[in-house]
C-alpha cells in the first residue's frame, strides 16, 4: 500500500478507538496476517508501521505466495468503458464499498483532452472524506498511485484529481481504472466526476452514490462488571460473532483480544492472564498474549475459525474465556480489555470488555 494509505489506516485506528484498543490494533499491524498482501495489494510504498515508542519489533514480511498474489492483483486488465456514447465523461461506482477493501470504479472519456484534469468531488455522510483513499492504475508502470487530494474546508467534501491527456471520442473512448476505499465507518458517499479538457471547457458526469458497509459484529455471554479472582476460575464463556452482511467476500478476516491493567507500582504482564479459545474437535486451547513493546498492554491474535474469505451472509464465531493467574500483581484492581475485529491490517470493530480483579 502507499505511504498515504498506510498513514490513513493508522489515523483511522487511532480516531475510532481509545489508547488500549489502538495498542491492540498496532500489535495486529505488527503481527500481520497471511492474506493481507493479497487483500490489499501493495504498490511498492511503505509498510503499515510498527508499534510506537521506538519498539524494535519489525512487521513480518508477507510470504512468497502472498507477495506473488499481491503482484498478480496489481496487474490489472485494461479499464472497461462505462456510461453512454452521449456522455463526454462517465463515472462508475459500485453500490457498496466494504470498509477496508478496495472497490473498483472508473472514468471513461469520450472527448479529446490535452493536458487536462479529471476531478472527483466526493461528499460523504457518516464519516469524513479524509478517511477515503482513491487511486488510479497506471498501465505504463503497472502500479496504483494515489490521486492528489486537497482540502475544501469541509470534513464531508473532498476533492481528488489526476492529470490526463487522451485522443478520445465516442467511437474511441479512453478509460482510466480507479479504486476507492473507506478506512473509517459506515455511511454514504456521492461522487461527481468532471474533466477540464485543457481548452477551457469542463464536462461533468452524472453523480454516483454508494454505501460504505462492514460486517456486523456482536458479543454474547460476557457479563458486564464481572470480577475474576487471582488463580481462580475463568470467566463464563463468551462468543464474538462476525456476520458478513456486505455483498463481497471479506478476505484476511482476523479477531484479536487485548488487555491492559496497571496499579500504583505494577502492571499486568502476559503471564498474568490466561486466554483460551474453544475450537470444535480441539476443545479449549490457550492463546498466547503478546506484550505491547514499550506499553504494558498486551494482545493476542485469535485462532482462525474460517478458511479463506468470509463469504457474503456467512458467519464466523470465536468462543473465548479469560482467567487471572495467581501471579497477577496485588495492586492491579482491574483490567481494561476487549476485542477487535478487522480484515487485512484495518480494524472495523472494537468492543471493550473490562473486568475487575480480586
Protein backbone atom coordinates (compact mmCIF):
# COMPACT_ATOMS: atom_id res chain seq x y z
CA UNK A 1 0.00 0.00 0.00
CA UNK A 2 1.11 3.59 -0.42
CA UNK A 3 2.52 5.66 2.43
CA UNK A 4 -0.60 7.86 2.39
CA UNK A 5 -2.94 4.86 2.67
CA UNK A 6 -0.82 3.41 5.49
CA UNK A 7 -0.97 6.71 7.37
CA UNK A 8 -4.72 6.94 6.88
CA UNK A 9 -5.16 3.38 8.19
CA UNK A 10 -3.26 4.24 11.36
CA UNK A 11 -5.17 7.50 11.74
CA UNK A 12 -8.48 5.70 11.34
CA UNK A 13 -7.50 3.20 14.03
CA UNK A 14 -6.46 5.92 16.47
CA UNK A 15 -9.52 8.03 15.73
CA UNK A 16 -12.02 5.23 16.22
CA UNK A 17 -10.50 3.69 19.37
CA UNK A 18 -9.09 4.53 22.74
CA UNK A 19 -5.43 4.08 23.57
CA UNK A 20 -5.82 0.48 24.74
CA UNK A 21 -7.66 -0.57 21.58
CA UNK A 22 -5.18 1.33 19.44
CA UNK A 23 -2.42 -0.68 21.12
CA UNK A 24 -4.19 -3.89 20.13
CA UNK A 25 -4.67 -2.65 16.59
CA UNK A 26 -0.99 -1.68 16.46
CA UNK A 27 0.01 -5.17 17.52
CA UNK A 28 -2.15 -6.57 14.75
CA UNK A 29 -0.33 -4.30 12.29
CA UNK A 30 2.95 -5.73 13.54
CA UNK A 31 1.80 -9.34 13.53
CA UNK A 32 0.09 -9.07 10.16
CA UNK A 33 -1.94 -11.80 8.51
CA UNK A 34 -1.07 -14.18 5.74
CA UNK A 35 -3.73 -12.74 3.48
CA UNK A 36 -3.01 -9.06 3.95
CA UNK A 37 -0.96 -8.52 0.82
CA UNK A 38 -3.49 -10.27 -1.38
CA UNK A 39 -6.42 -8.49 0.20
CA UNK A 40 -4.85 -5.04 -0.12
CA UNK A 41 -2.34 -5.05 -2.99
CA UNK A 42 0.94 -3.31 -2.33
CA UNK A 43 2.30 -0.71 -4.72
CA UNK A 44 5.91 -0.56 -3.58
CA UNK A 45 5.24 2.01 -0.86
CA UNK A 46 5.80 1.94 2.86
CA UNK A 47 4.73 -0.76 5.27
CA UNK A 48 1.94 -0.09 7.69
CA UNK A 49 4.31 0.64 10.55
CA UNK A 50 5.11 -0.98 13.88
CA UNK A 51 4.15 -0.32 17.45
CA UNK A 52 5.16 3.16 18.59
CA UNK A 53 7.65 4.32 21.23
CA UNK A 54 10.60 3.10 19.20
CA UNK A 55 9.73 -0.58 19.53
CA UNK A 56 12.28 -2.78 17.80
CA UNK A 57 9.58 -5.18 16.66
CA UNK A 58 9.53 -5.42 12.87
CA UNK A 59 6.50 -6.04 10.71
CA UNK A 60 6.61 -9.53 9.30
CA UNK A 61 7.24 -9.66 5.58
CA UNK A 62 4.45 -11.32 3.57
CA UNK A 63 5.06 -14.87 2.47
CA UNK A 64 6.28 -15.54 -1.08
CA UNK A 65 2.81 -16.76 -2.01
CA UNK A 66 1.16 -13.64 -0.60
CA UNK A 67 3.67 -11.39 -2.33
CA UNK A 68 3.02 -13.17 -5.62
CA UNK A 69 -0.71 -12.75 -5.11
CA UNK A 70 -0.20 -9.06 -4.46
CA UNK A 71 1.78 -8.65 -7.68
CA UNK A 72 -0.89 -10.51 -9.61
CA UNK A 73 -3.59 -8.35 -8.08
CA UNK A 74 -1.86 -5.16 -9.24
CA UNK A 75 -1.51 -6.43 -12.82
CA UNK A 76 -4.91 -5.00 -13.71
CA UNK A 77 -6.61 -5.65 -17.06
CA UNK A 78 -7.48 -2.65 -19.26
CA UNK A 79 -10.21 -0.49 -17.74
CA UNK A 80 -13.66 -1.19 -19.16
CA UNK A 81 -15.65 1.64 -20.72
CA UNK A 82 -18.60 2.90 -18.72
CA UNK A 83 -21.55 5.20 -19.41
CA UNK A 84 -23.23 6.04 -22.73
CA UNK A 85 -21.91 7.30 -26.04
CA UNK A 86 -23.61 10.66 -25.47
CA UNK A 87 -21.62 11.36 -22.30
CA UNK A 88 -18.36 13.28 -22.67
CA UNK A 89 -17.27 11.81 -19.32
CA UNK A 90 -18.74 8.88 -17.43
CA UNK A 91 -18.00 7.56 -13.95
CA UNK A 92 -18.75 4.12 -12.47
CA UNK A 93 -19.06 3.18 -8.80
CA UNK A 94 -20.45 0.00 -7.18
CA UNK A 95 -23.45 0.32 -4.87
CA UNK A 96 -21.48 -0.95 -1.84
CA UNK A 97 -17.97 -0.08 -0.65
CA UNK A 98 -16.96 -2.58 2.06
CA UNK A 99 -14.74 -0.86 4.60
CA UNK A 100 -11.09 -1.83 4.47
CA UNK A 101 -11.33 -3.23 0.94
CA UNK A 102 -10.57 -1.70 -2.42
CA UNK A 103 -13.60 -1.29 -4.67
CA UNK A 104 -13.18 -0.76 -8.39
CA UNK A 105 -14.50 2.37 -10.09
CA UNK A 106 -13.54 4.11 -13.29
CA UNK A 107 -13.69 7.13 -15.57
CA UNK A 108 -14.39 7.00 -19.32
CA UNK A 109 -13.70 9.98 -21.58
CA UNK A 110 -15.36 10.48 -24.99
CA UNK A 111 -13.89 13.85 -25.86
CA UNK A 112 -10.32 14.92 -26.68
CA UNK A 113 -8.36 16.12 -23.66
CA UNK A 114 -4.95 17.81 -23.83
CA UNK A 115 -3.11 18.29 -20.55
CA UNK A 116 -6.43 18.28 -18.78
CA UNK A 117 -7.51 17.29 -15.28
CA UNK A 118 -10.09 14.79 -14.06
CA UNK A 119 -11.70 15.89 -10.79
CA UNK A 120 -13.74 13.82 -8.36
CA UNK A 121 -15.89 15.80 -5.93
CA UNK A 122 -16.78 13.47 -3.06
CA UNK A 123 -19.43 14.29 -0.47
CA UNK A 124 -19.91 11.96 2.48
CA UNK A 125 -22.38 11.26 5.27
CA UNK A 126 -21.42 9.37 8.42
CA UNK A 127 -17.67 9.80 8.06
CA UNK A 128 -15.09 12.32 6.88
CA UNK A 129 -13.61 12.27 3.40
CA UNK A 130 -10.13 12.35 4.94
CA UNK A 131 -10.65 8.65 5.63
CA UNK A 132 -11.01 7.88 1.91
CA UNK A 133 -8.21 6.54 -0.26
CA UNK A 134 -8.59 6.89 -4.04
CA UNK A 135 -6.07 5.54 -6.55
CA UNK A 136 -5.72 5.17 -10.31
CA UNK A 137 -3.97 2.42 -12.24
CA UNK A 138 -1.02 3.46 -14.39
CA UNK A 139 -0.57 0.89 -17.20
CA UNK A 140 2.96 2.08 -18.03
CA UNK A 141 4.29 1.29 -14.55
CA UNK A 142 1.75 -1.43 -13.68
CA UNK A 143 1.15 0.30 -10.35
CA UNK A 144 -1.62 2.02 -8.46
CA UNK A 145 -0.93 5.60 -7.47
CA UNK A 146 -2.74 7.97 -5.13
CA UNK A 147 -4.86 10.72 -6.61
CA UNK A 148 -3.95 14.22 -5.49
CA UNK A 149 -6.30 15.49 -2.82
CA UNK A 150 -6.94 18.92 -1.43
CA UNK A 151 -8.91 20.36 1.43
CA UNK A 152 -12.17 22.18 0.79
CA UNK A 153 -12.66 23.42 4.33
CA UNK A 154 -15.33 20.79 4.94
CA UNK A 155 -14.85 17.40 6.59
CA UNK A 156 -17.52 15.92 4.34
CA UNK A 157 -16.37 17.32 0.98
CA UNK A 158 -13.17 16.08 -0.59
CA UNK A 159 -11.60 16.72 -3.99
CA UNK A 160 -9.36 14.19 -5.77
CA UNK A 161 -7.66 14.92 -9.11
CA UNK A 162 -5.32 13.43 -11.68
CA UNK A 163 -3.86 14.72 -14.98
CA UNK A 164 -4.95 13.24 -18.29
CA UNK A 165 -4.26 13.56 -22.00
CA UNK A 166 -6.32 11.43 -24.35
CA UNK A 167 -7.37 11.47 -28.01
CA UNK A 168 -10.81 10.22 -27.07
CA UNK A 169 -14.13 10.22 -28.89
CA UNK A 170 -17.49 8.45 -28.78
CA UNK A 171 -16.13 5.87 -31.23
CA UNK A 172 -12.84 5.52 -29.36
CA UNK A 173 -13.40 6.10 -25.62
CA UNK A 174 -10.49 6.36 -23.20
CA UNK A 175 -10.96 4.67 -19.80
CA UNK A 176 -8.98 5.01 -16.59
CA UNK A 177 -9.22 2.34 -13.88
CA UNK A 178 -9.74 3.70 -10.37
CA UNK A 179 -10.26 2.16 -6.96
CA UNK A 180 -11.64 3.63 -3.76
CA UNK A 181 -11.56 2.57 -0.12
CA UNK A 182 -13.16 3.82 3.09
CA UNK A 183 -11.00 3.40 6.19
CA UNK A 184 -13.42 4.68 8.80
CA UNK A 185 -17.08 3.83 9.41
CA UNK A 186 -20.35 3.10 7.61
CA UNK A 187 -22.17 5.86 5.77
CA UNK A 188 -22.79 7.01 2.21
CA UNK A 189 -20.80 8.95 -0.33
CA UNK A 190 -21.67 10.66 -3.61
CA UNK A 191 -19.07 11.19 -6.31
CA UNK A 192 -19.38 13.71 -9.12
CA UNK A 193 -16.69 13.36 -11.78
CA UNK A 194 -15.71 16.14 -14.17
CA UNK A 195 -12.93 16.82 -16.66
CA UNK A 196 -11.24 20.05 -17.71
CA UNK A 197 -10.28 19.32 -21.33
CA UNK A 198 -7.34 21.74 -21.32
CA UNK A 199 -9.12 24.09 -23.73
CA UNK A 200 -11.31 25.92 -21.26
CA UNK A 201 -14.24 23.51 -21.33
CA UNK A 202 -15.45 21.41 -18.38
CA UNK A 203 -17.63 18.33 -18.79
CA UNK A 204 -19.45 16.60 -15.92
CA UNK A 205 -20.65 13.04 -15.40
CA UNK A 206 -23.84 12.02 -13.60
CA UNK A 207 -23.28 11.70 -9.85
CA UNK A 208 -22.95 8.21 -8.36
CA UNK A 209 -23.80 7.22 -4.77
CA UNK A 210 -22.60 4.22 -2.76
CA UNK A 211 -22.97 2.91 0.78
CA UNK A 212 -19.86 2.15 2.84
CA UNK A 213 -20.52 -1.08 4.71
CA UNK A 214 -18.87 -3.59 7.03
CA UNK A 215 -19.74 -6.94 8.64
CA UNK A 216 -21.88 -6.98 11.78
CA UNK A 217 -20.08 -7.96 14.99
CA UNK A 218 -21.73 -8.95 18.27
CA UNK A 219 -20.51 -10.25 21.64
CA UNK A 220 -22.76 -12.54 23.68
CA UNK A 221 -22.23 -14.22 27.04
CA UNK A 222 -19.98 -11.56 28.54
CA UNK A 223 -21.15 -10.43 31.98
CA UNK A 224 -20.67 -6.72 32.46
CA UNK A 225 -18.95 -5.91 35.75
CA UNK A 226 -17.51 -9.41 36.11
CA UNK A 227 -14.97 -9.95 38.90
CA UNK A 228 -12.25 -12.54 38.39
CA UNK A 229 -10.13 -13.95 41.23
CA UNK A 230 -6.36 -14.32 41.04
CA UNK A 231 -5.68 -18.00 40.46
CA UNK A 232 -9.42 -18.65 40.31
CA UNK A 233 -11.92 -19.94 37.76
CA UNK A 234 -12.11 -18.37 34.32
CA UNK A 235 -14.92 -16.13 33.19
CA UNK A 236 -18.06 -17.60 31.72
CA UNK A 237 -17.53 -18.38 28.02
CA UNK A 238 -18.38 -15.53 25.69
CA UNK A 239 -18.69 -15.51 21.91
CA UNK A 240 -17.61 -12.96 19.32
CA UNK A 241 -19.75 -13.42 16.19
CA UNK A 242 -18.90 -11.84 12.85
CA UNK A 243 -21.54 -11.94 10.10
CA UNK A 244 -20.67 -10.71 6.64
CA UNK A 245 -23.64 -8.51 5.78
CA UNK A 246 -21.88 -6.96 2.75
CA UNK A 247 -22.09 -8.11 -0.87
CA UNK A 248 -18.38 -9.01 -1.07
CA UNK A 249 -16.29 -11.83 0.43
CA UNK A 250 -14.13 -10.43 3.26
CA UNK A 251 -10.53 -11.67 2.93
CA UNK A 252 -7.94 -11.88 5.68
CA UNK A 253 -10.51 -11.78 8.48
CA UNK A 254 -8.96 -11.55 11.94
CA UNK A 255 -10.08 -11.11 15.52
CA UNK A 256 -7.86 -10.18 18.45
CA UNK A 257 -8.13 -9.81 22.22
CA UNK A 258 -6.40 -7.00 24.10
CA UNK A 259 -5.90 -6.17 27.77
CA UNK A 260 -4.25 -3.54 29.94
CA UNK A 261 -4.06 -3.19 33.71
CA UNK A 262 -1.86 -1.07 35.95
CA UNK A 263 -1.61 -0.35 39.65
CA UNK A 264 0.48 2.09 41.65
CA UNK A 265 3.68 0.10 41.20
CA UNK A 266 2.98 -2.77 38.83
CA UNK A 267 1.21 -3.64 35.58
CA UNK A 268 -0.28 -6.81 34.18
CA UNK A 269 2.02 -8.91 32.02
CA UNK A 270 1.07 -11.66 29.55
CA UNK A 271 1.83 -14.34 32.18
CA UNK A 272 -0.83 -12.83 34.46
CA UNK A 273 -3.79 -13.58 32.18
CA UNK A 274 -4.91 -16.88 30.68
CA UNK A 275 -6.87 -16.51 27.44
CA UNK A 276 -8.48 -19.62 26.00
CA UNK A 277 -10.41 -20.25 22.79
CA UNK A 278 -12.72 -23.18 22.13
CA UNK A 279 -12.48 -24.95 18.79
CA UNK A 280 -14.65 -27.94 17.85
CA UNK A 281 -12.56 -31.09 17.79
CA UNK A 282 -9.82 -29.42 19.83
CA UNK A 283 -11.54 -28.23 22.99
CA UNK A 284 -10.22 -25.26 24.96
CA UNK A 285 -6.81 -24.07 23.72
CA UNK A 286 -4.64 -21.42 25.30
CA UNK A 287 -3.99 -18.42 23.07
CA UNK A 288 -0.69 -16.69 23.95
CA UNK A 289 -0.84 -13.00 24.77
CA UNK A 290 1.95 -10.78 23.44
CA UNK A 291 3.35 -7.77 25.29
CA UNK A 292 2.93 -4.39 23.67
CA UNK A 293 6.58 -3.37 23.41
CA UNK A 294 7.11 -0.21 25.47
CA UNK A 295 3.46 -0.18 26.55
CA UNK A 296 2.44 -2.53 29.41
CA UNK A 297 -0.64 -3.61 27.42
CA UNK A 298 -0.92 -6.93 25.60
CA UNK A 299 -2.90 -8.58 22.83
CA UNK A 300 -3.43 -11.92 21.11
CA UNK A 301 -4.48 -12.85 17.60
CA UNK A 302 -7.34 -15.32 17.96
CA UNK A 303 -7.14 -18.68 16.22
CA UNK A 304 -8.73 -18.66 12.73
CA UNK A 305 -12.23 -20.13 12.55
CA UNK A 306 -12.84 -19.90 8.79
CA UNK A 307 -10.76 -20.96 5.81
CA UNK A 308 -10.37 -18.32 3.15
CA UNK A 309 -12.55 -15.21 2.78
CA UNK A 310 -15.77 -14.85 4.78
CA UNK A 311 -18.49 -15.17 2.14
CA UNK A 312 -21.49 -12.80 1.99
CA UNK A 313 -24.05 -13.97 4.54
CA UNK A 314 -21.57 -16.30 6.27
CA UNK A 315 -20.75 -16.20 9.99
CA UNK A 316 -17.52 -16.65 11.96
CA UNK A 317 -17.71 -17.30 15.72
CA UNK A 318 -14.92 -17.07 18.30
CA UNK A 319 -15.72 -18.64 21.68
CA UNK A 320 -13.47 -17.38 24.47
CA UNK A 321 -12.86 -17.27 28.21
CA UNK A 322 -10.35 -15.35 30.30
CA UNK A 323 -8.80 -16.07 33.70
CA UNK A 324 -6.44 -14.22 36.03
CA UNK A 325 -3.32 -16.14 37.06
CA UNK A 326 -2.09 -16.22 40.64
CA UNK A 327 0.93 -14.18 39.55
CA UNK A 328 -1.16 -11.07 38.83
CA UNK A 329 0.12 -8.09 40.89
CA UNK A 330 -1.92 -7.36 44.02
CA UNK A 331 -2.05 -3.64 43.36
CA UNK A 332 -3.80 -4.03 39.98
CA UNK A 333 -7.56 -3.86 40.67
CA UNK A 334 -8.95 -4.16 37.15
CA UNK A 335 -8.17 -4.83 33.50
CA UNK A 336 -9.33 -2.78 30.57
CA UNK A 337 -9.83 -5.46 27.97
CA UNK A 338 -11.79 -6.14 24.82
CA UNK A 339 -11.81 -7.45 21.28
CA UNK A 340 -11.11 -6.03 17.85
CA UNK A 341 -12.19 -7.47 14.51
CA UNK A 342 -10.93 -6.50 11.08
CA UNK A 343 -9.53 -7.58 7.76
CA UNK A 344 -6.00 -7.23 6.49
CA UNK A 345 -4.42 -4.54 8.69
CA UNK A 346 -7.56 -2.48 9.36
CA UNK A 347 -9.84 -2.93 12.35
CA UNK A 348 -13.53 -2.31 11.62
CA UNK A 349 -14.95 -3.17 15.07
CA UNK A 350 -13.81 -2.60 18.65
CA UNK A 351 -15.64 -3.52 21.85
CA UNK A 352 -14.44 -3.10 25.41
CA UNK A 353 -14.90 -5.98 27.88
CA UNK A 354 -13.35 -4.77 31.15
CA UNK A 355 -13.29 -6.82 34.35
CA UNK A 356 -12.34 -6.34 38.00
CA UNK A 357 -9.60 -8.38 39.69
CA UNK A 358 -9.86 -9.58 43.27
